[in-house]
Amino acid sequence: MEIRVNGSSRHFAGDLTVAALLELVDAPKTGVAVAIDSSVVRRAEWPTTYVRDGAVVEILTAVQGG
């Protein structure tokens, strides 16, 4: 399936949860927020929320500094 991740189209095989997607793209373990089709997915829902084919996923990481 094709998923747009942070502006880039990516191909993934099979069903994919948000948690699995984050593992595949090597996202940091903390300080991360995820939105699918402009809707934020709560961290507690990552293991049970599936990303559909054609979804637009934004993975945001916290940045500290001033």
Foldseek 3Di string as FASTA:
>chain_A
DWEAEQNRIDDDDDKDFQVRVCVVVVPDPDQKWKDKQNHTDDPVCRVPHIHDPHIYMYIDGDDDDD
